Amino acid sequence: MAVFRQEPIALALLDHRMPGLTGDQVLAQMKAENPLLRAMMMTAYGAVDMAVKVMKLGADDFIEKPINLTQLLEKIEQIAQTRAVAEDVAE
Protein backbone atom coordinates (compact mmCIF):
# COMPACT_ATOMS: atom_id res chain seq x y z
CA MET A 1 0.00 0.00 0.00
CA ALA A 2 2.92 2.35 0.65
CA VAL A 3 4.12 1.98 -2.96
CA PHE A 4 0.54 2.37 -4.22
CA ARG A 5 0.24 5.68 -2.38
CA GLN A 6 3.54 6.96 -3.80
CA GLU A 7 3.44 5.74 -7.40
CA PRO A 8 0.82 6.17 -10.15
CA ILE A 9 -0.30 2.55 -10.49
CA ALA A 10 -2.80 1.86 -13.26
CA LEU A 11 -3.08 -1.92 -12.90
CA ALA A 12 -2.55 -4.08 -9.82
CA LEU A 13 -2.04 -7.84 -9.97
CA LEU A 14 -2.99 -9.17 -6.54
CA ASP A 15 -2.75 -12.61 -4.99
CA HIS A 16 -5.68 -13.50 -2.79
CA ARG A 17 -3.51 -15.05 -0.10
CA MET A 18 -0.78 -12.70 1.05
CA PRO A 19 0.94 -12.18 4.39
CA GLY A 20 -0.90 -9.66 6.53
CA LEU A 21 -3.90 -8.55 4.50
CA THR A 22 -5.80 -10.67 2.00
CA GLY A 23 -5.90 -9.64 -1.64
CA ASP A 24 -9.51 -8.55 -1.35
CA GLN A 25 -8.68 -6.35 1.66
CA VAL A 26 -5.87 -4.71 -0.32
CA LEU A 27 -8.17 -4.33 -3.34
CA ALA A 28 -10.85 -2.66 -1.22
CA GLN A 29 -8.30 -0.20 0.21
CA MET A 30 -6.85 0.56 -3.22
CA LYS A 31 -10.26 1.11 -4.81
CA ALA A 32 -11.29 3.37 -1.91
CA GLU A 33 -8.24 5.55 -2.61
CA ASN A 34 -8.40 5.31 -6.41
CA PRO A 35 -11.69 4.09 -7.90
CA LEU A 36 -10.14 4.18 -11.40
CA LEU A 37 -7.53 1.56 -10.50
CA ARG A 38 -7.73 -1.58 -12.61
CA ALA A 39 -7.01 -4.84 -10.79
CA MET A 40 -6.75 -8.56 -11.36
CA MET A 41 -6.97 -11.07 -8.53
CA MET A 42 -5.04 -14.35 -8.69
CA THR A 43 -5.45 -17.39 -6.47
CA ALA A 44 -4.69 -21.07 -6.23
CA TYR A 45 -7.85 -21.53 -4.18
CA GLY A 46 -10.56 -20.48 -6.61
CA ALA A 47 -14.19 -20.61 -5.62
CA VAL A 48 -17.24 -19.01 -7.21
CA ASP A 49 -18.15 -17.04 -4.09
CA MET A 50 -14.60 -15.64 -3.86
CA ALA A 51 -14.67 -14.62 -7.52
CA VAL A 52 -18.03 -12.89 -7.07
CA LYS A 53 -16.75 -11.05 -3.99
CA VAL A 54 -13.63 -9.65 -5.66
CA MET A 55 -15.55 -8.68 -8.79
CA LYS A 56 -18.00 -6.75 -6.58
CA LEU A 57 -15.00 -5.05 -4.97
CA GLY A 58 -13.97 -3.85 -8.42
CA ALA A 59 -11.54 -6.42 -9.79
CA ASP A 60 -11.48 -6.60 -13.56
CA ASP A 61 -10.74 -10.30 -13.57
CA PHE A 62 -10.26 -13.32 -11.33
CA ILE A 63 -7.55 -15.76 -12.42
CA GLU A 64 -6.85 -19.20 -11.01
CA LYS A 65 -3.33 -20.56 -10.63
CA PRO A 66 -1.37 -21.95 -12.27
CA ILE A 67 -1.34 -18.83 -14.40
CA ASN A 68 -1.25 -19.20 -18.17
CA LEU A 69 1.12 -16.34 -19.01
CA THR A 70 -0.22 -15.95 -22.56
CA GLN A 71 -3.77 -15.53 -21.25
CA LEU A 72 -2.56 -13.17 -18.52
CA LEU A 73 -0.82 -10.98 -21.09
CA GLU A 74 -3.96 -10.96 -23.26
CA LYS A 75 -6.08 -9.87 -20.29
CA ILE A 76 -3.59 -7.12 -19.41
CA GLU A 77 -3.63 -5.90 -23.02
CA GLN A 78 -7.45 -5.85 -23.02
CA ILE A 79 -7.45 -3.75 -19.84
CA ALA A 80 -4.84 -1.39 -21.33
CA GLN A 81 -6.95 -0.94 -24.48
CA THR A 82 -10.11 -0.30 -22.47
CA ARG A 83 -8.25 2.23 -20.33
CA ALA A 84 -6.82 3.99 -23.41
CA VAL A 85 -10.30 4.30 -24.95
CA ALA A 86 -11.71 5.67 -21.68
CA GLU A 87 -8.90 8.23 -21.48
CA ASP A 88 -9.51 9.30 -25.11
CA VAL A 89 -13.21 9.75 -24.41
CA ALA A 90 -12.45 11.78 -21.27
CA GLU A 91 -10.32 14.24 -23.26
PDB file of N, CA and C in Angstrom:
ATOM      1  N   MET A   1       0.829  -1.195   0.000  1.00  0.00           N
ATOM      2  CA  MET A   1       0.000   0.000   0.000  1.00  0.00           C
ATOM      3  C   MET A   1       0.872   1.257   0.000  1.00  0.00           C
ATOM      4  N   ALA A   2       2.039   1.186   0.625  1.00  0.00           N
ATOM      5  CA  ALA A   2       2.921   2.352   0.648  1.00  0.00           C
ATOM      6  C   ALA A   2       3.359   2.723  -0.770  1.00  0.00           C
ATOM      7  N   VAL A   3       3.721   1.722  -1.573  1.00  0.00           N
ATOM      8  CA  VAL A   3       4.116   1.976  -2.959  1.00  0.00           C
ATOM      9  C   VAL A   3       2.918   2.511  -3.743  1.00  0.00           C
ATOM     10  N   PHE A   4       1.754   1.936  -3.534  1.00  0.00           N
ATOM     11  CA  PHE A   4       0.536   2.374  -4.223  1.00  0.00           C
ATOM     12  C   PHE A   4       0.261   3.848  -3.954  1.00  0.00           C
ATOM     13  N   ARG A   5       0.501   4.285  -2.742  1.00  0.00           N
ATOM     14  CA  ARG A   5       0.244   5.679  -2.379  1.00  0.00           C
ATOM     15  C   ARG A   5       1.290   6.630  -2.944  1.00  0.00           C
ATOM     16  N   GLN A   6       2.460   6.107  -3.304  1.00  0.00           N
ATOM     17  CA  GLN A   6       3.541   6.965  -3.796  1.00  0.00           C
ATOM     18  C   GLN A   6       3.696   6.951  -5.311  1.00  0.00           C
ATOM     19  N   GLU A   7       3.236   5.903  -5.962  1.00  0.00           N
ATOM     20  CA  GLU A   7       3.441   5.739  -7.398  1.00  0.00           C
ATOM     21  C   GLU A   7       2.097   5.711  -8.133  1.00  0.00           C
ATOM     22  N   PRO A   8       2.064   6.234  -9.367  1.00  0.00           N
ATOM     23  CA  PRO A   8       0.821   6.169 -10.149  1.00  0.00           C
ATOM     24  C   PRO A   8       0.635   4.767 -10.743  1.00  0.00           C
ATOM     25  N   ILE A   9      -0.081   3.933 -10.056  1.00  0.00           N
ATOM     26  CA  ILE A   9      -0.296   2.549 -10.487  1.00  0.00           C
ATOM     27  C   ILE A   9      -1.630   2.464 -11.218  1.00  0.00           C
ATOM     28  N   ALA A  10      -1.580   1.969 -12.452  1.00  0.00           N
ATOM     29  CA  ALA A  10      -2.797   1.861 -13.263  1.00  0.00           C
ATOM     30  C   ALA A  10      -3.431   0.488 -13.148  1.00  0.00           C
ATOM     31  N   LEU A  11      -2.592  -0.550 -12.951  1.00  0.00           N
ATOM     32  CA  LEU A  11      -3.083  -1.922 -12.896  1.00  0.00           C
ATOM     33  C   LEU A  11      -2.361  -2.664 -11.779  1.00  0.00           C
ATOM     34  N   ALA A  12      -3.127  -3.285 -10.907  1.00  0.00           N
ATOM     35  CA  ALA A  12      -2.549  -4.076  -9.817  1.00  0.00           C
ATOM     36  C   ALA A  12      -2.876  -5.545 -10.039  1.00  0.00           C
ATOM     37  N   LEU A  13      -1.854  -6.392  -9.935  1.00  0.00           N
ATOM     38  CA  LEU A  13      -2.041  -7.839  -9.966  1.00  0.00           C
ATOM     39  C   LEU A  13      -1.893  -8.305  -8.526  1.00  0.00           C
ATOM     40  N   LEU A  14      -2.976  -8.804  -7.953  1.00  0.00           N
ATOM     41  CA  LEU A  14      -2.991  -9.173  -6.544  1.00  0.00           C
ATOM     42  C   LEU A  14      -3.200 -10.665  -6.362  1.00  0.00           C
ATOM     43  N   ASP A  15      -2.518 -11.222  -5.376  1.00  0.00           N
ATOM     44  CA  ASP A  15      -2.748 -12.611  -4.994  1.00  0.00           C
ATOM     45  C   ASP A  15      -3.747 -12.584  -3.852  1.00  0.00           C
ATOM     46  N   HIS A  16      -4.676 -13.500  -3.852  1.00  0.00           N
ATOM     47  CA  HIS A  16      -5.675 -13.497  -2.795  1.00  0.00           C
ATOM     48  C   HIS A  16      -5.066 -13.777  -1.427  1.00  0.00           C
ATOM     49  N   ARG A  17      -4.144 -14.722  -1.371  1.00  0.00           N
ATOM     50  CA  ARG A  17      -3.506 -15.051  -0.096  1.00  0.00           C
ATOM     51  C   ARG A  17      -2.135 -14.405  -0.030  1.00  0.00           C
ATOM     52  N   MET A  18      -2.034 -13.403   0.847  1.00  0.00           N
ATOM     53  CA  MET A  18      -0.775 -12.697   1.053  1.00  0.00           C
ATOM     54  C   MET A  18      -0.548 -12.587   2.557  1.00  0.00           C
ATOM     55  N   PRO A  19       0.699 -12.369   2.950  1.00  0.00           N
ATOM     56  CA  PRO A  19       0.944 -12.175   4.385  1.00  0.00           C
ATOM     57  C   PRO A  19       0.315 -10.860   4.843  1.00  0.00           C
ATOM     58  N   GLY A  20      -0.266 -10.876   6.009  1.00  0.00           N
ATOM     59  CA  GLY A  20      -0.900  -9.662   6.526  1.00  0.00           C
ATOM     60  C   GLY A  20      -2.332  -9.557   6.054  1.00  0.00           C
ATOM     61  N   LEU A  21      -2.561  -8.747   5.043  1.00  0.00           N
ATOM     62  CA  LEU A  21      -3.902  -8.546   4.496  1.00  0.00           C
ATOM     63  C   LEU A  21      -4.174  -9.539   3.376  1.00  0.00           C
ATOM     64  N   THR A  22      -5.442  -9.848   3.156  1.00  0.00           N
ATOM     65  CA  THR A  22      -5.798 -10.668   1.998  1.00  0.00           C
ATOM     66  C   THR A  22      -5.853  -9.771   0.763  1.00  0.00           C
ATOM     67  N   GLY A  23      -5.829 -10.401  -0.397  1.00  0.00           N
ATOM     68  CA  GLY A  23      -5.898  -9.640  -1.637  1.00  0.00           C
ATOM     69  C   GLY A  23      -7.164  -8.813  -1.738  1.00  0.00           C
ATOM     70  N   ASP A  24      -8.285  -9.343  -1.262  1.00  0.00           N
ATOM     71  CA  ASP A  24      -9.513  -8.552  -1.351  1.00  0.00           C
ATOM     72  C   ASP A  24      -9.494  -7.370  -0.389  1.00  0.00           C
ATOM     73  N   GLN A  25      -8.820  -7.489   0.749  1.00  0.00           N
ATOM     74  CA  GLN A  25      -8.679  -6.351   1.658  1.00  0.00           C
ATOM     75  C   GLN A  25      -7.817  -5.263   1.010  1.00  0.00           C
ATOM     76  N   VAL A  26      -6.736  -5.675   0.369  1.00  0.00           N
ATOM     77  CA  VAL A  26      -5.870  -4.714  -0.323  1.00  0.00           C
ATOM     78  C   VAL A  26      -6.638  -4.062  -1.474  1.00  0.00           C
ATOM     79  N   LEU A  27      -7.377  -4.862  -2.234  1.00  0.00           N
ATOM     80  CA  LEU A  27      -8.169  -4.333  -3.342  1.00  0.00           C
ATOM     81  C   LEU A  27      -9.173  -3.299  -2.842  1.00  0.00           C
ATOM     82  N   ALA A  28      -9.859  -3.600  -1.765  1.00  0.00           N
ATOM     83  CA  ALA A  28     -10.850  -2.661  -1.217  1.00  0.00           C
ATOM     84  C   ALA A  28     -10.184  -1.341  -0.821  1.00  0.00           C
ATOM     85  N   GLN A  29      -9.019  -1.415  -0.191  1.00  0.00           N
ATOM     86  CA  GLN A  29      -8.302  -0.196   0.210  1.00  0.00           C
ATOM     87  C   GLN A  29      -7.854   0.596  -1.017  1.00  0.00           C
ATOM     88  N   MET A  30      -7.317  -0.118  -2.014  1.00  0.00           N
ATOM     89  CA  MET A  30      -6.848   0.564  -3.224  1.00  0.00           C
ATOM     90  C   MET A  30      -7.995   1.248  -3.959  1.00  0.00           C
ATOM     91  N   LYS A  31      -9.116   0.549  -4.102  1.00  0.00           N
ATOM     92  CA  LYS A  31     -10.264   1.113  -4.812  1.00  0.00           C
ATOM     93  C   LYS A  31     -10.866   2.296  -4.041  1.00  0.00           C
ATOM     94  N   ALA A  32     -10.789   2.250  -2.711  1.00  0.00           N
ATOM     95  CA  ALA A  32     -11.285   3.373  -1.911  1.00  0.00           C
ATOM     96  C   ALA A  32     -10.435   4.620  -2.164  1.00  0.00           C
ATOM     97  N   GLU A  33      -9.145   4.424  -2.366  1.00  0.00           N
ATOM     98  CA  GLU A  33      -8.238   5.547  -2.607  1.00  0.00           C
ATOM     99  C   GLU A  33      -8.199   5.965  -4.071  1.00  0.00           C
ATOM    100  N   ASN A  34      -8.415   5.011  -4.977  1.00  0.00           N
ATOM    101  CA  ASN A  34      -8.404   5.314  -6.408  1.00  0.00           C
ATOM    102  C   ASN A  34      -9.417   4.428  -7.121  1.00  0.00           C
ATOM    103  N   PRO A  35     -10.647   4.902  -7.258  1.00  0.00           N
ATOM    104  CA  PRO A  35     -11.690   4.092  -7.899  1.00  0.00           C
ATOM    105  C   PRO A  35     -11.391   3.735  -9.355  1.00  0.00           C
ATOM    106  N   LEU A  36     -10.470   4.455 -10.000  1.00  0.00           N
ATOM    107  CA  LEU A  36     -10.137   4.180 -11.402  1.00  0.00           C
ATOM    108  C   LEU A  36      -9.085   3.083 -11.560  1.00  0.00           C
ATOM    109  N   LEU A  37      -8.524   2.631 -10.454  1.00  0.00           N
ATOM    110  CA  LEU A  37      -7.530   1.564 -10.499  1.00  0.00           C
ATOM    111  C   LEU A  37      -8.119   0.328 -11.164  1.00  0.00           C
ATOM    112  N   ARG A  38      -7.344  -0.305 -12.015  1.00  0.00           N
ATOM    113  CA  ARG A  38      -7.725  -1.575 -12.613  1.00  0.00           C
ATOM    114  C   ARG A  38      -6.986  -2.657 -11.843  1.00  0.00           C
ATOM    115  N   ALA A  39      -7.623  -3.795 -11.614  1.00  0.00           N
ATOM    116  CA  ALA A  39      -7.009  -4.837 -10.791  1.00  0.00           C
ATOM    117  C   ALA A  39      -7.420  -6.222 -11.256  1.00  0.00           C
ATOM    118  N   MET A  40      -6.488  -7.153 -11.076  1.00  0.00           N
ATOM    119  CA  MET A  40      -6.748  -8.559 -11.363  1.00  0.00           C
ATOM    120  C   MET A  40      -6.348  -9.355 -10.131  1.00  0.00           C
ATOM    121  N   MET A  41      -7.225 -10.241  -9.701  1.00  0.00           N
ATOM    122  CA  MET A  41      -6.968 -11.074  -8.527  1.00  0.00           C
ATOM    123  C   MET A  41      -6.567 -12.467  -8.985  1.00  0.00           C
ATOM    124  N   MET A  42      -5.511 -13.001  -8.377  1.00  0.00           N
ATOM    125  CA  MET A  42      -5.035 -14.346  -8.694  1.00  0.00           C
ATOM    126  C   MET A  42      -5.110 -15.206  -7.436  1.00  0.00           C
ATOM    127  N   THR A  43      -5.413 -16.490  -7.617  1.00  0.00           N
ATOM    128  CA  THR A  43      -5.447 -17.386  -6.470  1.00  0.00           C
ATOM    129  C   THR A  43      -5.283 -18.835  -6.914  1.00  0.00           C
ATOM    130  N   ALA A  44      -4.768 -19.624  -6.009  1.00  0.00           N
ATOM    131  CA  ALA A  44      -4.686 -21.071  -6.233  1.00  0.00           C
ATOM    132  C   ALA A  44      -5.894 -21.761  -5.598  1.00  0.00           C
ATOM    133  N   TYR A  45      -6.721 -20.983  -4.922  1.00  0.00           N
ATOM    134  CA  TYR A  45      -7.854 -21.529  -4.178  1.00  0.00           C
ATOM    135  C   TYR A  45      -9.150 -20.924  -4.698  1.00  0.00           C
ATOM    136  N   GLY A  46      -9.397 -21.102  -5.983  1.00  0.00           N
ATOM    137  CA  GLY A  46     -10.560 -20.484  -6.606  1.00  0.00           C
ATOM    138  C   GLY A  46     -11.873 -21.083  -6.153  1.00  0.00           C
ATOM    139  N   ALA A  47     -12.826 -20.216  -5.956  1.00  0.00           N
ATOM    140  CA  ALA A  47     -14.188 -20.606  -5.623  1.00  0.00           C
ATOM    141  C   ALA A  47     -15.116 -19.540  -6.205  1.00  0.00           C
ATOM    142  N   VAL A  48     -16.297 -19.940  -6.590  1.00  0.00           N
ATOM    143  CA  VAL A  48     -17.235 -19.008  -7.213  1.00  0.00           C
ATOM    144  C   VAL A  48     -17.553 -17.849  -6.285  1.00  0.00           C
ATOM    145  N   ASP A  49     -17.795 -18.125  -5.006  1.00  0.00           N
ATOM    146  CA  ASP A  49     -18.148 -17.039  -4.087  1.00  0.00           C
ATOM    147  C   ASP A  49     -17.005 -16.042  -3.929  1.00  0.00           C
ATOM    148  N   MET A  50     -15.758 -16.529  -3.957  1.00  0.00           N
ATOM    149  CA  MET A  50     -14.603 -15.636  -3.858  1.00  0.00           C
ATOM    150  C   MET A  50     -14.508 -14.769  -5.109  1.00  0.00           C
ATOM    151  N   ALA A  51     -14.723 -15.362  -6.267  1.00  0.00           N
ATOM    152  CA  ALA A  51     -14.675 -14.615  -7.520  1.00  0.00           C
ATOM    153  C   ALA A  51     -15.746 -13.529  -7.536  1.00  0.00           C
ATOM    154  N   VAL A  52     -16.938 -13.868  -7.116  1.00  0.00           N
ATOM    155  CA  VAL A  52     -18.032 -12.893  -7.070  1.00  0.00           C
ATOM    156  C   VAL A  52     -17.670 -11.744  -6.128  1.00  0.00           C
ATOM    157  N   LYS A  53     -17.113 -12.078  -4.980  1.00  0.00           N
ATOM    158  CA  LYS A  53     -16.752 -11.051  -3.990  1.00  0.00           C
ATOM    159  C   LYS A  53     -15.735 -10.067  -4.551  1.00  0.00           C
ATOM    160  N   VAL A  54     -14.655 -10.572  -5.164  1.00  0.00           N
ATOM    161  CA  VAL A  54     -13.628  -9.652  -5.656  1.00  0.00           C
ATOM    162  C   VAL A  54     -14.113  -8.857  -6.870  1.00  0.00           C
ATOM    163  N   MET A  55     -14.993  -9.429  -7.666  1.00  0.00           N
ATOM    164  CA  MET A  55     -15.555  -8.677  -8.785  1.00  0.00           C
ATOM    165  C   MET A  55     -16.443  -7.545  -8.258  1.00  0.00           C
ATOM    166  N   LYS A  56     -17.182  -7.804  -7.195  1.00  0.00           N
ATOM    167  CA  LYS A  56     -17.995  -6.750  -6.579  1.00  0.00           C
ATOM    168  C   LYS A  56     -17.130  -5.659  -5.973  1.00  0.00           C
ATOM    169  N   LEU A  57     -15.937  -6.028  -5.512  1.00  0.00           N
ATOM    170  CA  LEU A  57     -14.997  -5.045  -4.966  1.00  0.00           C
ATOM    171  C   LEU A  57     -14.356  -4.199  -6.059  1.00  0.00           C
ATOM    172  N   GLY A  58     -14.488  -4.645  -7.311  1.00  0.00           N
ATOM    173  CA  GLY A  58     -13.969  -3.848  -8.417  1.00  0.00           C
ATOM    174  C   GLY A  58     -12.857  -4.480  -9.217  1.00  0.00           C
ATOM    175  N   ALA A  59     -12.568  -5.747  -8.979  1.00  0.00           N
ATOM    176  CA  ALA A  59     -11.539  -6.419  -9.787  1.00  0.00           C
ATOM    177  C   ALA A  59     -12.038  -6.550 -11.222  1.00  0.00           C
ATOM    178  N   ASP A  60     -11.134  -6.432 -12.155  1.00  0.00           N
ATOM    179  CA  ASP A  60     -11.479  -6.597 -13.563  1.00  0.00           C
ATOM    180  C   ASP A  60     -11.537  -8.058 -13.956  1.00  0.00           C
ATOM    181  N   ASP A  61     -10.784  -8.883 -13.228  1.00  0.00           N
ATOM    182  CA  ASP A  61     -10.737 -10.297 -13.570  1.00  0.00           C
ATOM    183  C   ASP A  61     -10.301 -11.096 -12.352  1.00  0.00           C
ATOM    184  N   PHE A  62     -10.613 -12.377 -12.383  1.00  0.00           N
ATOM    185  CA  PHE A  62     -10.260 -13.324 -11.327  1.00  0.00           C
ATOM    186  C   PHE A  62      -9.598 -14.501 -12.019  1.00  0.00           C
ATOM    187  N   ILE A  63      -8.336 -14.752 -11.708  1.00  0.00           N
ATOM    188  CA  ILE A  63      -7.554 -15.756 -12.423  1.00  0.00           C
ATOM    189  C   ILE A  63      -7.093 -16.831 -11.450  1.00  0.00           C
ATOM    190  N   GLU A  64      -7.297 -18.088 -11.848  1.00  0.00           N
ATOM    191  CA  GLU A  64      -6.851 -19.201 -11.006  1.00  0.00           C
ATOM    192  C   GLU A  64      -5.453 -19.645 -11.408  1.00  0.00           C
ATOM    193  N   LYS A  65      -4.674 -20.008 -10.404  1.00  0.00           N
ATOM    194  CA  LYS A  65      -3.331 -20.556 -10.633  1.00  0.00           C
ATOM    195  C   LYS A  65      -3.458 -22.030 -10.964  1.00  0.00           C
ATOM    196  N   PRO A  66      -2.551 -22.596 -11.703  1.00  0.00           N
ATOM    197  CA  PRO A  66      -1.373 -21.949 -12.272  1.00  0.00           C
ATOM    198  C   PRO A  66      -1.777 -20.982 -13.379  1.00  0.00           C
ATOM    199  N   ILE A  67      -1.035 -19.891 -13.457  1.00  0.00           N
ATOM    200  CA  ILE A  67      -1.338 -18.829 -14.404  1.00  0.00           C
ATOM    201  C   ILE A  67      -0.803 -19.194 -15.790  1.00  0.00           C
ATOM    202  N   ASN A  68      -1.666 -19.069 -16.775  1.00  0.00           N
ATOM    203  CA  ASN A  68      -1.246 -19.201 -18.171  1.00  0.00           C
ATOM    204  C   ASN A  68      -0.764 -17.811 -18.579  1.00  0.00           C
ATOM    205  N   LEU A  69       0.541 -17.658 -18.763  1.00  0.00           N
ATOM    206  CA  LEU A  69       1.119 -16.341 -19.014  1.00  0.00           C
ATOM    207  C   LEU A  69       0.615 -15.700 -20.306  1.00  0.00           C
ATOM    208  N   THR A  70       0.329 -16.498 -21.309  1.00  0.00           N
ATOM    209  CA  THR A  70      -0.219 -15.954 -22.555  1.00  0.00           C
ATOM    210  C   THR A  70      -1.591 -15.341 -22.304  1.00  0.00           C
ATOM    211  N   GLN A  71      -2.439 -16.056 -21.569  1.00  0.00           N
ATOM    212  CA  GLN A  71      -3.775 -15.527 -21.252  1.00  0.00           C
ATOM    213  C   GLN A  71      -3.681 -14.304 -20.352  1.00  0.00           C
ATOM    214  N   LEU A  72      -2.745 -14.317 -19.401  1.00  0.00           N
ATOM    215  CA  LEU A  72      -2.565 -13.166 -18.517  1.00  0.00           C
ATOM    216  C   LEU A  72      -2.183 -11.939 -19.335  1.00  0.00           C
ATOM    217  N   LEU A  73      -1.245 -12.091 -20.242  1.00  0.00           N
ATOM    218  CA  LEU A  73      -0.825 -10.975 -21.089  1.00  0.00           C
ATOM    219  C   LEU A  73      -1.985 -10.465 -21.937  1.00  0.00           C
ATOM    220  N   GLU A  74      -2.797 -11.371 -22.476  1.00  0.00           N
ATOM    221  CA  GLU A  74      -3.964 -10.964 -23.265  1.00  0.00           C
ATOM    222  C   GLU A  74      -4.932 -10.147 -22.416  1.00  0.00           C
ATOM    223  N   LYS A  75      -5.163 -10.589 -21.183  1.00  0.00           N
ATOM    224  CA  LYS A  75      -6.077  -9.866 -20.286  1.00  0.00           C
ATOM    225  C   LYS A  75      -5.527  -8.492 -19.936  1.00  0.00           C
ATOM    226  N   ILE A  76      -4.214  -8.409 -19.715  1.00  0.00           N
ATOM    227  CA  ILE A  76      -3.586  -7.120 -19.413  1.00  0.00           C
ATOM    228  C   ILE A  76      -3.709  -6.188 -20.611  1.00  0.00           C
ATOM    229  N   GLU A  77      -3.501  -6.711 -21.805  1.00  0.00           N
ATOM    230  CA  GLU A  77      -3.628  -5.900 -23.017  1.00  0.00           C
ATOM    231  C   GLU A  77      -5.061  -5.412 -23.209  1.00  0.00           C
ATOM    232  N   GLN A  78      -6.047  -6.257 -22.908  1.00  0.00           N
ATOM    233  CA  GLN A  78      -7.455  -5.846 -23.017  1.00  0.00           C
ATOM    234  C   GLN A  78      -7.751  -4.701 -22.053  1.00  0.00           C
ATOM    235  N   ILE A  79      -7.246  -4.808 -20.832  1.00  0.00           N
ATOM    236  CA  ILE A  79      -7.452  -3.747 -19.840  1.00  0.00           C
ATOM    237  C   ILE A  79      -6.777  -2.463 -20.309  1.00  0.00           C
ATOM    238  N   ALA A  80      -5.563  -2.575 -20.842  1.00  0.00           N
ATOM    239  CA  ALA A  80      -4.843  -1.394 -21.334  1.00  0.00           C
ATOM    240  C   ALA A  80      -5.611  -0.724 -22.464  1.00  0.00           C
ATOM    241  N   GLN A  81      -6.168  -1.512 -23.377  1.00  0.00           N
ATOM    242  CA  GLN A  81      -6.945  -0.944 -24.483  1.00  0.00           C
ATOM    243  C   GLN A  81      -8.203  -0.254 -23.977  1.00  0.00           C
ATOM    244  N   THR A  82      -8.898  -0.896 -23.042  1.00  0.00           N
ATOM    245  CA  THR A  82     -10.111  -0.304 -22.471  1.00  0.00           C
ATOM    246  C   THR A  82      -9.783   1.008 -21.769  1.00  0.00           C
ATOM    247  N   ARG A  83      -8.681   1.015 -21.042  1.00  0.00           N
ATOM    248  CA  ARG A  83      -8.250   2.230 -20.327  1.00  0.00           C
ATOM    249  C   ARG A  83      -7.897   3.338 -21.319  1.00  0.00           C
ATOM    250  N   ALA A  84      -7.208   2.990 -22.404  1.00  0.00           N
ATOM    251  CA  ALA A  84      -6.825   3.987 -23.410  1.00  0.00           C
ATOM    252  C   ALA A  84      -8.063   4.605 -24.053  1.00  0.00           C
ATOM    253  N   VAL A  85      -9.053   3.787 -24.361  1.00  0.00           N
ATOM    254  CA  VAL A  85     -10.299   4.298 -24.949  1.00  0.00           C
ATOM    255  C   VAL A  85     -10.997   5.236 -23.958  1.00  0.00           C
ATOM    256  N   ALA A  86     -11.071   4.838 -22.700  1.00  0.00           N
ATOM    257  CA  ALA A  86     -11.712   5.668 -21.683  1.00  0.00           C
ATOM    258  C   ALA A  86     -10.996   7.010 -21.530  1.00  0.00           C
ATOM    259  N   GLU A  87      -9.662   6.994 -21.593  1.00  0.00           N
ATOM    260  CA  GLU A  87      -8.896   8.233 -21.484  1.00  0.00           C
ATOM    261  C   GLU A  87      -9.144   9.127 -22.700  1.00  0.00           C
ATOM    262  N   ASP A  88      -9.232   8.525 -23.894  1.00  0.00           N
ATOM    263  CA  ASP A  88      -9.512   9.302 -25.109  1.00  0.00           C
ATOM    264  C   ASP A  88     -10.880   9.949 -25.030  1.00  0.00           C
ATOM    265  N   VAL A  89     -11.860   9.221 -24.538  1.00  0.00           N
ATOM    266  CA  VAL A  89     -13.213   9.745 -24.413  1.00  0.00           C
ATOM    267  C   VAL A  89     -13.255  10.896 -23.395  1.00  0.00           C
ATOM    268  N   ALA A  90     -12.476  10.779 -22.326  1.00  0.00           N
ATOM    269  CA  ALA A  90     -12.452  11.781 -21.273  1.00  0.00           C
ATOM    270  C   ALA A  90     -11.831  13.089 -21.752  1.00  0.00           C
ATOM    271  N   GLU A  91     -10.979  13.022 -22.766  1.00  0.00           N
ATOM    272  CA  GLU A  91     -10.317  14.241 -23.260  1.00  0.00           C
ATOM    273  C   GLU A  91     -11.237  14.999 -24.090  1.00  0.00           C
TER     274      GLU A  91
END
